Each structure stands twice: as C-alpha cells, then as structure tokens.
Amino acid sequence: MLARRTELGLSQEKAAERCGLHWTYLGQVERGRRNVTLHNILKIAAGLDVDAGVLVSGLEPPE
C-alpha cells in the first residue's frame, strides 16, 4: 500500500481522503498497527486505483 501511495505521489492525508478514511487510520495500517477489514481493503484499493488482491498479495498471517 505504501509503495502504491508513493508511486501516485500522494501524502497520507490525500490518500486517506481518496479512500474515504481518516489519515491516522491509514498511517496505522501502513505501519501494521491496525487490522484491516475487507470493507476497508476494498476502500483503500479503490482510492489507490489498484486491485484489492495486489494489496494483500504476499502477506503472512500473524503469529
């Protein structure tokens, strides 16, 4: 997600606005501090104009 946001040249604030989320929440997601619901994954994917599968590809389950 961070890579895509950077690729688009978006600040956390602008990306969060495009995703319909609060920027502090988006920052916590990027740092791995928040678990994300499928609903919010879809919102983030739409806001970053990327397939949701790309956002979750390669993620490891928590221990």
C-alpha atoms as a PDB file:
ATOM      1  CA  MET A   1       0.000   0.000   0.000  1.00  0.00           C
ATOM      2  CA  LEU A   2       2.777   2.433   0.904  1.00  0.00           C
ATOM      3  CA  ALA A   3       4.543   1.663  -2.377  1.00  0.00           C
ATOM      4  CA  ARG A   4       1.381   2.388  -4.381  1.00  0.00           C
ATOM      5  CA  ARG A   5       0.694   5.598  -2.442  1.00  0.00           C
ATOM      6  CA  THR A   6       4.267   6.728  -3.074  1.00  0.00           C
ATOM      7  CA  GLU A   7       4.015   5.752  -6.742  1.00  0.00           C
ATOM      8  CA  LEU A   8       0.968   8.013  -7.039  1.00  0.00           C
ATOM      9  CA  GLY A   9       2.787  10.828  -5.238  1.00  0.00           C
ATOM     10  CA  LEU A  10       0.145  11.034  -2.518  1.00  0.00           C
ATOM     11  CA  SER A  11       0.609  12.108   1.086  1.00  0.00           C
ATOM     12  CA  GLN A  12      -1.134  10.024   3.740  1.00  0.00           C
ATOM     13  CA  GLU A  13      -3.700  12.783   4.064  1.00  0.00           C
ATOM     14  CA  LYS A  14      -4.514  12.889   0.339  1.00  0.00           C
ATOM     15  CA  ALA A  15      -4.563   9.099   0.034  1.00  0.00           C
ATOM     16  CA  ALA A  16      -6.862   8.795   3.041  1.00  0.00           C
ATOM     17  CA  GLU A  17      -9.179  11.396   1.548  1.00  0.00           C
ATOM     18  CA  ARG A  18      -9.345   9.438  -1.717  1.00  0.00           C
ATOM     19  CA  CYS A  19     -10.055   6.236   0.250  1.00  0.00           C
ATOM     20  CA  GLY A  20     -12.701   7.800   2.483  1.00  0.00           C
ATOM     21  CA  LEU A  21     -10.707   7.025   5.631  1.00  0.00           C
ATOM     22  CA  HIS A  22      -9.025   9.084   8.335  1.00  0.00           C
ATOM     23  CA  TRP A  23      -5.326   9.725   7.705  1.00  0.00           C
ATOM     24  CA  THR A  24      -4.295   8.447  11.149  1.00  0.00           C
ATOM     25  CA  TYR A  25      -6.057   5.147  10.445  1.00  0.00           C
ATOM     26  CA  LEU A  26      -4.311   4.841   7.085  1.00  0.00           C
ATOM     27  CA  GLY A  27      -0.954   5.520   8.739  1.00  0.00           C
ATOM     28  CA  GLN A  28      -1.599   2.829  11.328  1.00  0.00           C
ATOM     29  CA  VAL A  29      -2.485   0.360   8.573  1.00  0.00           C
ATOM     30  CA  GLU A  30       0.728   1.193   6.711  1.00  0.00           C
ATOM     31  CA  ARG A  31       2.768   0.580   9.865  1.00  0.00           C
ATOM     32  CA  GLY A  32       0.992  -2.702  10.585  1.00  0.00           C
ATOM     33  CA  ARG A  33      -0.608  -1.376  13.759  1.00  0.00           C
ATOM     34  CA  ARG A  34      -4.197  -1.989  12.669  1.00  0.00           C
ATOM     35  CA  ASN A  35      -6.033  -4.997  11.367  1.00  0.00           C
ATOM     36  CA  VAL A  36      -7.967  -4.062   8.264  1.00  0.00           C
ATOM     37  CA  THR A  37     -11.451  -5.276   7.447  1.00  0.00           C
ATOM     38  CA  LEU A  38     -12.245  -6.489   3.961  1.00  0.00           C
ATOM     39  CA  HIS A  39     -14.525  -3.479   3.598  1.00  0.00           C
ATOM     40  CA  ASN A  40     -11.620  -1.095   4.245  1.00  0.00           C
ATOM     41  CA  ILE A  41      -9.262  -3.072   1.989  1.00  0.00           C
ATOM     42  CA  LEU A  42     -11.751  -2.508  -0.812  1.00  0.00           C
ATOM     43  CA  LYS A  43     -11.987   1.213   0.017  1.00  0.00           C
ATOM     44  CA  ILE A  44      -8.202   1.541   0.026  1.00  0.00           C
ATOM     45  CA  ALA A  45      -7.882  -0.362  -3.245  1.00  0.00           C
ATOM     46  CA  ALA A  46     -10.465   1.884  -4.903  1.00  0.00           C
ATOM     47  CA  GLY A  47      -8.817   5.026  -3.556  1.00  0.00           C
ATOM     48  CA  LEU A  48      -5.389   3.938  -4.790  1.00  0.00           C
ATOM     49  CA  ASP A  49      -6.778   2.645  -8.090  1.00  0.00           C
ATOM     50  CA  VAL A  50      -5.372  -0.850  -7.606  1.00  0.00           C
ATOM     51  CA  ASP A  51      -6.863  -4.331  -7.394  1.00  0.00           C
ATOM     52  CA  ALA A  52      -7.503  -5.369  -3.786  1.00  0.00           C
ATOM     53  CA  GLY A  53      -5.612  -8.614  -4.407  1.00  0.00           C
ATOM     54  CA  VAL A  54      -2.441  -6.637  -5.010  1.00  0.00           C
ATOM     55  CA  LEU A  55      -2.730  -5.095  -1.540  1.00  0.00           C
ATOM     56  CA  VAL A  56      -2.903  -8.454   0.221  1.00  0.00           C
ATOM     57  CA  SER A  57      -0.614 -10.477  -2.034  1.00  0.00           C
ATOM     58  CA  GLY A  58       2.311 -11.936  -0.112  1.00  0.00           C
ATOM     59  CA  LEU A  59       1.045 -11.047   3.344  1.00  0.00           C
ATOM     60  CA  GLU A  60       1.875 -13.501   6.103  1.00  0.00           C
ATOM     61  CA  PRO A  61      -0.706 -14.423   8.743  1.00  0.00           C
ATOM     62  CA  PRO A  62       0.013 -13.086  12.237  1.00  0.00           C
ATOM     63  CA  GLU A  63       1.718 -15.400  14.698  1.00  0.00           C
END
